[in-house]
């Protein structure tokens, strides 16, 4: 980043936008590429992050439910624990 009083250059902004676009899934990248606005890209990115948070929460809930049905000493429970390490 630029060291001039914390200001960021247009080139640095464009580089950061490109990096954000690369992190989005393909469908979001296509939508973001068709729009040139950085603010729209940021909105897309925020929406994607929110959806990832929801997916993690859902998977965590499902895993908790699964673990509650297993015997703690079962091979299946041990496999799940090893995957979580």
PDB file of N, CA and C in Angstrom:
ATOM      1  N   UNK A   1       0.827  -1.178   0.000  1.00  0.00           N
ATOM      2  CA  UNK A   1       0.000   0.000   0.000  1.00  0.00           C
ATOM      3  C   UNK A   1       0.874   1.245   0.000  1.00  0.00           C
ATOM      4  N   UNK A   2       0.327   2.319  -0.415  1.00  0.00           N
ATOM      5  CA  UNK A   2       1.060   3.571  -0.495  1.00  0.00           C
ATOM      6  C   UNK A   2       1.407   4.085   0.892  1.00  0.00           C
ATOM      7  N   UNK A   3       2.607   4.650   1.018  1.00  0.00           N
ATOM      8  CA  UNK A   3       3.029   5.161   2.318  1.00  0.00           C
ATOM      9  C   UNK A   3       2.742   6.653   2.465  1.00  0.00           C
ATOM     10  N   UNK A   4       2.209   7.278   1.462  1.00  0.00           N
ATOM     11  CA  UNK A   4       1.900   8.714   1.521  1.00  0.00           C
ATOM     12  C   UNK A   4       0.659   8.948   2.364  1.00  0.00           C
ATOM     13  N   UNK A   5       0.867   9.341   3.604  1.00  0.00           N
ATOM     14  CA  UNK A   5      -0.216   9.729   4.515  1.00  0.00           C
ATOM     15  C   UNK A   5      -1.415   8.794   4.448  1.00  0.00           C
ATOM     16  N   UNK A   6      -1.177   7.518   4.247  1.00  0.00           N
ATOM     17  CA  UNK A   6      -2.254   6.542   4.269  1.00  0.00           C
ATOM     18  C   UNK A   6      -3.168   6.561   3.056  1.00  0.00           C
ATOM     19  N   UNK A   7      -2.855   7.347   2.076  1.00  0.00           N
ATOM     20  CA  UNK A   7      -3.711   7.399   0.873  1.00  0.00           C
ATOM     21  C   UNK A   7      -3.401   6.203  -0.024  1.00  0.00           C
ATOM     22  N   UNK A   8      -4.443   5.724  -0.648  1.00  0.00           N
ATOM     23  CA  UNK A   8      -4.291   4.585  -1.543  1.00  0.00           C
ATOM     24  C   UNK A   8      -4.471   5.072  -2.979  1.00  0.00           C
ATOM     25  N   UNK A   9      -3.666   4.556  -3.867  1.00  0.00           N
ATOM     26  CA  UNK A   9      -3.728   4.988  -5.267  1.00  0.00           C
ATOM     27  C   UNK A   9      -4.820   4.234  -6.015  1.00  0.00           C
ATOM     28  N   UNK A  10      -5.209   4.788  -7.155  1.00  0.00           N
ATOM     29  CA  UNK A  10      -6.194   4.122  -8.012  1.00  0.00           C
ATOM     30  C   UNK A  10      -5.676   2.754  -8.452  1.00  0.00           C
ATOM     31  N   UNK A  11      -4.394   2.682  -8.714  1.00  0.00           N
ATOM     32  CA  UNK A  11      -3.797   1.411  -9.129  1.00  0.00           C
ATOM     33  C   UNK A  11      -3.925   0.366  -8.012  1.00  0.00           C
ATOM     34  N   UNK A  12      -3.688   0.796  -6.772  1.00  0.00           N
ATOM     35  CA  UNK A  12      -3.820  -0.130  -5.637  1.00  0.00           C
ATOM     36  C   UNK A  12      -5.269  -0.567  -5.449  1.00  0.00           C
ATOM     37  N   UNK A  13      -6.198   0.359  -5.637  1.00  0.00           N
ATOM     38  CA  UNK A  13      -7.622   0.013  -5.545  1.00  0.00           C
ATOM     39  C   UNK A  13      -7.981  -1.012  -6.611  1.00  0.00           C
ATOM     40  N   UNK A  14      -7.529  -0.781  -7.836  1.00  0.00           N
ATOM     41  CA  UNK A  14      -7.817  -1.723  -8.923  1.00  0.00           C
ATOM     42  C   UNK A  14      -7.228  -3.100  -8.634  1.00  0.00           C
ATOM     43  N   UNK A  15      -6.040  -3.129  -8.051  1.00  0.00           N
ATOM     44  CA  UNK A  15      -5.409  -4.402  -7.694  1.00  0.00           C
ATOM     45  C   UNK A  15      -6.224  -5.124  -6.616  1.00  0.00           C
ATOM     46  N   UNK A  16      -6.682  -4.384  -5.615  1.00  0.00           N
ATOM     47  CA  UNK A  16      -7.498  -4.985  -4.552  1.00  0.00           C
ATOM     48  C   UNK A  16      -8.835  -5.487  -5.090  1.00  0.00           C
ATOM     49  N   UNK A  17      -9.427  -4.749  -6.004  1.00  0.00           N
ATOM     50  CA  UNK A  17     -10.684  -5.175  -6.624  1.00  0.00           C
ATOM     51  C   UNK A  17     -10.474  -6.474  -7.394  1.00  0.00           C
ATOM     52  N   UNK A  18      -9.384  -6.559  -8.119  1.00  0.00           N
ATOM     53  CA  UNK A  18      -9.079  -7.789  -8.862  1.00  0.00           C
ATOM     54  C   UNK A  18      -8.910  -8.967  -7.911  1.00  0.00           C
ATOM     55  N   UNK A  19      -8.235  -8.733  -6.799  1.00  0.00           N
ATOM     56  CA  UNK A  19      -8.048  -9.803  -5.813  1.00  0.00           C
ATOM     57  C   UNK A  19      -9.381 -10.242  -5.222  1.00  0.00           C
ATOM     58  N   UNK A  20     -10.263  -9.284  -4.933  1.00  0.00           N
ATOM     59  CA  UNK A  20     -11.584  -9.639  -4.415  1.00  0.00           C
ATOM     60  C   UNK A  20     -12.371 -10.456  -5.435  1.00  0.00           C
ATOM     61  N   UNK A  21     -12.337 -10.029  -6.683  1.00  0.00           N
ATOM     62  CA  UNK A  21     -13.055 -10.758  -7.728  1.00  0.00           C
ATOM     63  C   UNK A  21     -12.561 -12.193  -7.826  1.00  0.00           C
ATOM     64  N   UNK A  22     -11.261 -12.393  -7.642  1.00  0.00           N
ATOM     65  CA  UNK A  22     -10.700 -13.742  -7.736  1.00  0.00           C
ATOM     66  C   UNK A  22     -11.173 -14.630  -6.584  1.00  0.00           C
ATOM     67  N   UNK A  23     -11.545 -14.032  -5.475  1.00  0.00           N
ATOM     68  CA  UNK A  23     -12.000 -14.812  -4.316  1.00  0.00           C
ATOM     69  C   UNK A  23     -13.474 -15.208  -4.398  1.00  0.00           C
ATOM     70  N   UNK A  24     -14.226 -14.510  -5.223  1.00  0.00           N
ATOM     71  CA  UNK A  24     -15.651 -14.809  -5.339  1.00  0.00           C
ATOM     72  C   UNK A  24     -15.864 -16.056  -6.198  1.00  0.00           C
ATOM     73  N   UNK A  25     -16.969 -16.775  -5.942  1.00  0.00           N
ATOM     74  CA  UNK A  25     -17.267 -17.927  -6.804  1.00  0.00           C
ATOM     75  C   UNK A  25     -17.509 -17.467  -8.241  1.00  0.00           C
ATOM     76  N   UNK A  26     -17.400 -18.396  -9.156  1.00  0.00           N
ATOM     77  CA  UNK A  26     -17.482 -18.091 -10.589  1.00  0.00           C
ATOM     78  C   UNK A  26     -18.723 -17.265 -10.952  1.00  0.00           C
ATOM     79  N   UNK A  27     -19.907 -17.629 -10.454  1.00  0.00           N
ATOM     80  CA  UNK A  27     -21.128 -16.905 -10.816  1.00  0.00           C
ATOM     81  C   UNK A  27     -21.086 -15.466 -10.332  1.00  0.00           C
ATOM     82  N   UNK A  28     -20.555 -15.240  -9.143  1.00  0.00           N
ATOM     83  CA  UNK A  28     -20.440 -13.870  -8.635  1.00  0.00           C
ATOM     84  C   UNK A  28     -19.393 -13.096  -9.405  1.00  0.00           C
ATOM     85  N   UNK A  29     -18.327 -13.782  -9.799  1.00  0.00           N
ATOM     86  CA  UNK A  29     -17.279 -13.120 -10.583  1.00  0.00           C
ATOM     87  C   UNK A  29     -17.834 -12.618 -11.907  1.00  0.00           C
ATOM     88  N   UNK A  30     -18.678 -13.444 -12.546  1.00  0.00           N
ATOM     89  CA  UNK A  30     -19.258 -13.024 -13.831  1.00  0.00           C
ATOM     90  C   UNK A  30     -20.135 -11.791 -13.634  1.00  0.00           C
ATOM     91  N   UNK A  31     -20.957 -11.816 -12.554  1.00  0.00           N
ATOM     92  CA  UNK A  31     -21.811 -10.653 -12.289  1.00  0.00           C
ATOM     93  C   UNK A  31     -20.964  -9.431 -11.970  1.00  0.00           C
ATOM     94  N   UNK A  32     -19.933  -9.616 -11.134  1.00  0.00           N
ATOM     95  CA  UNK A  32     -19.081  -8.494 -10.738  1.00  0.00           C
ATOM     96  C   UNK A  32     -18.309  -7.948 -11.928  1.00  0.00           C
ATOM     97  N   UNK A  33     -17.873  -8.825 -12.821  1.00  0.00           N
ATOM     98  CA  UNK A  33     -17.110  -8.387 -13.986  1.00  0.00           C
ATOM     99  C   UNK A  33     -17.980  -7.541 -14.915  1.00  0.00           C
ATOM    100  N   UNK A  34     -19.269  -7.829 -14.941  1.00  0.00           N
ATOM    101  CA  UNK A  34     -20.149  -7.068 -15.817  1.00  0.00           C
ATOM    102  C   UNK A  34     -20.459  -5.689 -15.234  1.00  0.00           C
ATOM    103  N   UNK A  35     -20.186  -5.511 -13.973  1.00  0.00           N
ATOM    104  CA  UNK A  35     -20.379  -4.207 -13.329  1.00  0.00           C
ATOM    105  C   UNK A  35     -19.005  -3.659 -12.978  1.00  0.00           C
ATOM    106  N   UNK A  36     -18.776  -2.424 -13.265  1.00  0.00           N
ATOM    107  CA  UNK A  36     -17.452  -1.868 -13.014  1.00  0.00           C
ATOM    108  C   UNK A  36     -17.356  -1.179 -11.657  1.00  0.00           C
ATOM    109  N   UNK A  37     -18.454  -1.039 -10.951  1.00  0.00           N
ATOM    110  CA  UNK A  37     -18.462  -0.299  -9.707  1.00  0.00           C
ATOM    111  C   UNK A  37     -17.814  -1.079  -8.568  1.00  0.00           C
ATOM    112  N   UNK A  38     -16.857  -0.436  -7.904  1.00  0.00           N
ATOM    113  CA  UNK A  38     -16.201  -1.060  -6.754  1.00  0.00           C
ATOM    114  C   UNK A  38     -17.201  -1.267  -5.629  1.00  0.00           C
ATOM    115  N   UNK A  39     -18.136  -0.354  -5.465  1.00  0.00           N
ATOM    116  CA  UNK A  39     -19.112  -0.500  -4.384  1.00  0.00           C
ATOM    117  C   UNK A  39     -20.001  -1.720  -4.616  1.00  0.00           C
ATOM    118  N   UNK A  40     -20.344  -1.994  -5.865  1.00  0.00           N
ATOM    119  CA  UNK A  40     -21.149  -3.184  -6.160  1.00  0.00           C
ATOM    120  C   UNK A  40     -20.352  -4.450  -5.900  1.00  0.00           C
ATOM    121  N   UNK A  41     -19.074  -4.428  -6.218  1.00  0.00           N
ATOM    122  CA  UNK A  41     -18.224  -5.575  -5.931  1.00  0.00           C
ATOM    123  C   UNK A  41     -18.141  -5.804  -4.426  1.00  0.00           C
ATOM    124  N   UNK A  42     -18.007  -4.734  -3.661  1.00  0.00           N
ATOM    125  CA  UNK A  42     -17.947  -4.868  -2.201  1.00  0.00           C
ATOM    126  C   UNK A  42     -19.255  -5.433  -1.654  1.00  0.00           C
ATOM    127  N   UNK A  43     -20.377  -5.002  -2.203  1.00  0.00           N
ATOM    128  CA  UNK A  43     -21.675  -5.552  -1.786  1.00  0.00           C
ATOM    129  C   UNK A  43     -21.753  -7.044  -2.101  1.00  0.00           C
ATOM    130  N   UNK A  44     -21.305  -7.429  -3.301  1.00  0.00           N
ATOM    131  CA  UNK A  44     -21.278  -8.847  -3.688  1.00  0.00           C
ATOM    132  C   UNK A  44     -20.415  -9.647  -2.712  1.00  0.00           C
ATOM    133  N   UNK A  45     -19.250  -9.083  -2.388  1.00  0.00           N
ATOM    134  CA  UNK A  45     -18.318  -9.756  -1.489  1.00  0.00           C
ATOM    135  C   UNK A  45     -18.919  -9.911  -0.096  1.00  0.00           C
ATOM    136  N   UNK A  46     -19.549  -8.856   0.404  1.00  0.00           N
ATOM    137  CA  UNK A  46     -20.197  -8.928   1.722  1.00  0.00           C
ATOM    138  C   UNK A  46     -21.303  -9.975   1.720  1.00  0.00           C
ATOM    139  N   UNK A  47     -22.087 -10.014   0.669  1.00  0.00           N
ATOM    140  CA  UNK A  47     -23.138 -11.024   0.570  1.00  0.00           C
ATOM    141  C   UNK A  47     -22.567 -12.435   0.554  1.00  0.00           C
ATOM    142  N   UNK A  48     -21.468 -12.606  -0.155  1.00  0.00           N
ATOM    143  CA  UNK A  48     -20.824 -13.917  -0.222  1.00  0.00           C
ATOM    144  C   UNK A  48     -20.284 -14.323   1.142  1.00  0.00           C
ATOM    145  N   UNK A  49     -19.670 -13.384   1.848  1.00  0.00           N
ATOM    146  CA  UNK A  49     -19.149 -13.684   3.188  1.00  0.00           C
ATOM    147  C   UNK A  49     -20.290 -14.053   4.130  1.00  0.00           C
ATOM    148  N   UNK A  50     -21.394 -13.331   4.057  1.00  0.00           N
ATOM    149  CA  UNK A  50     -22.560 -13.662   4.887  1.00  0.00           C
ATOM    150  C   UNK A  50     -23.061 -15.066   4.576  1.00  0.00           C
ATOM    151  N   UNK A  51     -23.098 -15.421   3.296  1.00  0.00           N
ATOM    152  CA  UNK A  51     -23.574 -16.766   2.934  1.00  0.00           C
ATOM    153  C   UNK A  51     -22.611 -17.839   3.433  1.00  0.00           C
ATOM    154  N   UNK A  52     -21.300 -17.541   3.419  1.00  0.00           N
ATOM    155  CA  UNK A  52     -20.329 -18.496   3.959  1.00  0.00           C
ATOM    156  C   UNK A  52     -20.513 -18.674   5.466  1.00  0.00           C
ATOM    157  N   UNK A  53     -20.760 -17.575   6.169  1.00  0.00           N
ATOM    158  CA  UNK A  53     -21.019 -17.667   7.610  1.00  0.00           C
ATOM    159  C   UNK A  53     -22.237 -18.542   7.884  1.00  0.00           C
ATOM    160  N   UNK A  54     -23.296 -18.347   7.106  1.00  0.00           N
ATOM    161  CA  UNK A  54     -24.509 -19.146   7.289  1.00  0.00           C
ATOM    162  C   UNK A  54     -24.244 -20.619   6.998  1.00  0.00           C
ATOM    163  N   UNK A  55     -23.464 -20.884   5.964  1.00  0.00           N
ATOM    164  CA  UNK A  55     -23.134 -22.263   5.621  1.00  0.00           C
ATOM    165  C   UNK A  55     -22.330 -22.925   6.748  1.00  0.00           C
ATOM    166  N   UNK A  56     -21.379 -22.189   7.321  1.00  0.00           N
ATOM    167  CA  UNK A  56     -20.589 -22.722   8.435  1.00  0.00           C
ATOM    168  C   UNK A  56     -21.506 -23.009   9.621  1.00  0.00           C
ATOM    169  N   UNK A  57     -22.413 -22.089   9.929  1.00  0.00           N
ATOM    170  CA  UNK A  57     -23.354 -22.305  11.035  1.00  0.00           C
ATOM    171  C   UNK A  57     -24.215 -23.543  10.796  1.00  0.00           C
ATOM    172  N   UNK A  58     -24.729 -23.679   9.584  1.00  0.00           N
ATOM    173  CA  UNK A  58     -25.564 -24.835   9.250  1.00  0.00           C
ATOM    174  C   UNK A  58     -24.783 -26.140   9.364  1.00  0.00           C
ATOM    175  N   UNK A  59     -23.565 -26.154   8.850  1.00  0.00           N
ATOM    176  CA  UNK A  59     -22.736 -27.359   8.931  1.00  0.00           C
ATOM    177  C   UNK A  59     -22.380 -27.691  10.378  1.00  0.00           C
ATOM    178  N   UNK A  60     -22.130 -26.681  11.167  1.00  0.00           N
ATOM    179  CA  UNK A  60     -21.825 -26.890  12.582  1.00  0.00           C
ATOM    180  C   UNK A  60     -23.024 -27.505  13.302  1.00  0.00           C
ATOM    181  N   UNK A  61     -24.218 -26.998  13.004  1.00  0.00           N
ATOM    182  CA  UNK A  61     -25.437 -27.558  13.604  1.00  0.00           C
ATOM    183  C   UNK A  61     -25.627 -29.017  13.197  1.00  0.00           C
ATOM    184  N   UNK A  62     -25.431 -29.297  11.903  1.00  0.00           N
ATOM    185  CA  UNK A  62     -25.593 -30.674  11.424  1.00  0.00           C
ATOM    186  C   UNK A  62     -24.567 -31.608  12.063  1.00  0.00           C
ATOM    187  N   UNK A  63     -23.343 -31.129  12.205  1.00  0.00           N
ATOM    188  CA  UNK A  63     -22.296 -31.933  12.824  1.00  0.00           C
ATOM    189  C   UNK A  63     -22.610 -32.193  14.289  1.00  0.00           C
ATOM    190  N   UNK A  64     -23.104 -31.192  14.985  1.00  0.00           N
ATOM    191  CA  UNK A  64     -23.487 -31.372  16.392  1.00  0.00           C
ATOM    192  C   UNK A  64     -24.595 -32.416  16.532  1.00  0.00           C
ATOM    193  N   UNK A  65     -25.567 -32.343  15.637  1.00  0.00           N
ATOM    194  CA  UNK A  65     -26.652 -33.330  15.655  1.00  0.00           C
ATOM    195  C   UNK A  65     -26.105 -34.735  15.392  1.00  0.00           C
ATOM    196  N   UNK A  66     -25.231 -34.851  14.431  1.00  0.00           N
ATOM    197  CA  UNK A  66     -24.643 -36.146  14.098  1.00  0.00           C
ATOM    198  C   UNK A  66     -23.852 -36.694  15.280  1.00  0.00           C
ATOM    199  N   UNK A  67     -23.025 -35.852  15.877  1.00  0.00           N
ATOM    200  CA  UNK A  67     -22.200 -36.298  17.002  1.00  0.00           C
ATOM    201  C   UNK A  67     -23.054 -36.712  18.199  1.00  0.00           C
ATOM    202  N   UNK A  68     -24.200 -36.073  18.371  1.00  0.00           N
ATOM    203  CA  UNK A  68     -25.062 -36.419  19.506  1.00  0.00           C
ATOM    204  C   UNK A  68     -25.702 -37.795  19.339  1.00  0.00           C
ATOM    205  N   UNK A  69     -25.752 -38.300  18.102  1.00  0.00           N
ATOM    206  CA  UNK A  69     -26.353 -39.616  17.865  1.00  0.00           C
ATOM    207  C   UNK A  69     -25.327 -40.746  17.938  1.00  0.00           C
ATOM    208  N   UNK A  70     -24.034 -40.384  18.005  1.00  0.00           N
ATOM    209  CA  UNK A  70     -22.978 -41.396  18.004  1.00  0.00           C
ATOM    210  C   UNK A  70     -22.464 -41.656  19.413  1.00  0.00           C
ATOM    211  N   UNK A  71     -22.043 -42.881  19.631  1.00  0.00           N
ATOM    212  CA  UNK A  71     -21.330 -43.223  20.855  1.00  0.00           C
ATOM    213  C   UNK A  71     -19.955 -42.549  20.778  1.00  0.00           C
ATOM    214  N   UNK A  72     -19.541 -41.890  21.885  1.00  0.00           N
ATOM    215  CA  UNK A  72     -18.262 -41.167  21.892  1.00  0.00           C
ATOM    216  C   UNK A  72     -17.070 -42.052  21.553  1.00  0.00           C
ATOM    217  N   UNK A  73     -17.183 -43.335  21.827  1.00  0.00           N
ATOM    218  CA  UNK A  73     -16.067 -44.253  21.582  1.00  0.00           C
ATOM    219  C   UNK A  73     -16.186 -45.011  20.265  1.00  0.00           C
ATOM    220  N   UNK A  74     -17.189 -44.684  19.483  1.00  0.00           N
ATOM    221  CA  UNK A  74     -17.392 -45.408  18.229  1.00  0.00           C
ATOM    222  C   UNK A  74     -16.334 -45.016  17.202  1.00  0.00           C
ATOM    223  N   UNK A  75     -16.063 -45.925  16.263  1.00  0.00           N
ATOM    224  CA  UNK A  75     -15.107 -45.606  15.191  1.00  0.00           C
ATOM    225  C   UNK A  75     -15.547 -44.384  14.363  1.00  0.00           C
ATOM    226  N   UNK A  76     -16.853 -44.242  14.147  1.00  0.00           N
ATOM    227  CA  UNK A  76     -17.356 -43.107  13.371  1.00  0.00           C
ATOM    228  C   UNK A  76     -17.071 -41.782  14.082  1.00  0.00           C
ATOM    229  N   UNK A  77     -17.278 -41.765  15.401  1.00  0.00           N
ATOM    230  CA  UNK A  77     -17.003 -40.547  16.168  1.00  0.00           C
ATOM    231  C   UNK A  77     -15.516 -40.213  16.126  1.00  0.00           C
ATOM    232  N   UNK A  78     -14.675 -41.234  16.201  1.00  0.00           N
ATOM    233  CA  UNK A  78     -13.232 -41.008  16.149  1.00  0.00           C
ATOM    234  C   UNK A  78     -12.811 -40.462  14.788  1.00  0.00           C
ATOM    235  N   UNK A  79     -13.419 -40.976  13.730  1.00  0.00           N
ATOM    236  CA  UNK A  79     -13.118 -40.490  12.372  1.00  0.00           C
ATOM    237  C   UNK A  79     -13.495 -39.006  12.273  1.00  0.00           C
ATOM    238  N   UNK A  80     -14.659 -38.654  12.749  1.00  0.00           N
ATOM    239  CA  UNK A  80     -15.110 -37.261  12.693  1.00  0.00           C
ATOM    240  C   UNK A  80     -14.173 -36.368  13.497  1.00  0.00           C
ATOM    241  N   UNK A  81     -13.803 -36.810  14.693  1.00  0.00           N
ATOM    242  CA  UNK A  81     -12.882 -36.015  15.514  1.00  0.00           C
ATOM    243  C   UNK A  81     -11.536 -35.827  14.805  1.00  0.00           C
ATOM    244  N   UNK A  82     -11.063 -36.878  14.149  1.00  0.00           N
ATOM    245  CA  UNK A  82      -9.761 -36.769  13.462  1.00  0.00           C
ATOM    246  C   UNK A  82      -9.850 -35.793  12.285  1.00  0.00           C
ATOM    247  N   UNK A  83     -10.982 -35.748  11.626  1.00  0.00           N
ATOM    248  CA  UNK A  83     -11.164 -34.814  10.502  1.00  0.00           C
ATOM    249  C   UNK A  83     -11.219 -33.377  10.981  1.00  0.00           C
ATOM    250  N   UNK A  84     -11.676 -33.174  12.197  1.00  0.00           N
ATOM    251  CA  UNK A  84     -11.810 -31.813  12.732  1.00  0.00           C
ATOM    252  C   UNK A  84     -10.505 -31.259  13.291  1.00  0.00           C
ATOM    253  N   UNK A  85      -9.509 -32.102  13.421  1.00  0.00           N
ATOM    254  CA  UNK A  85      -8.209 -31.643  13.953  1.00  0.00           C
ATOM    255  C   UNK A  85      -7.414 -30.912  12.931  1.00  0.00           C
TER     256      UNK A  85
END
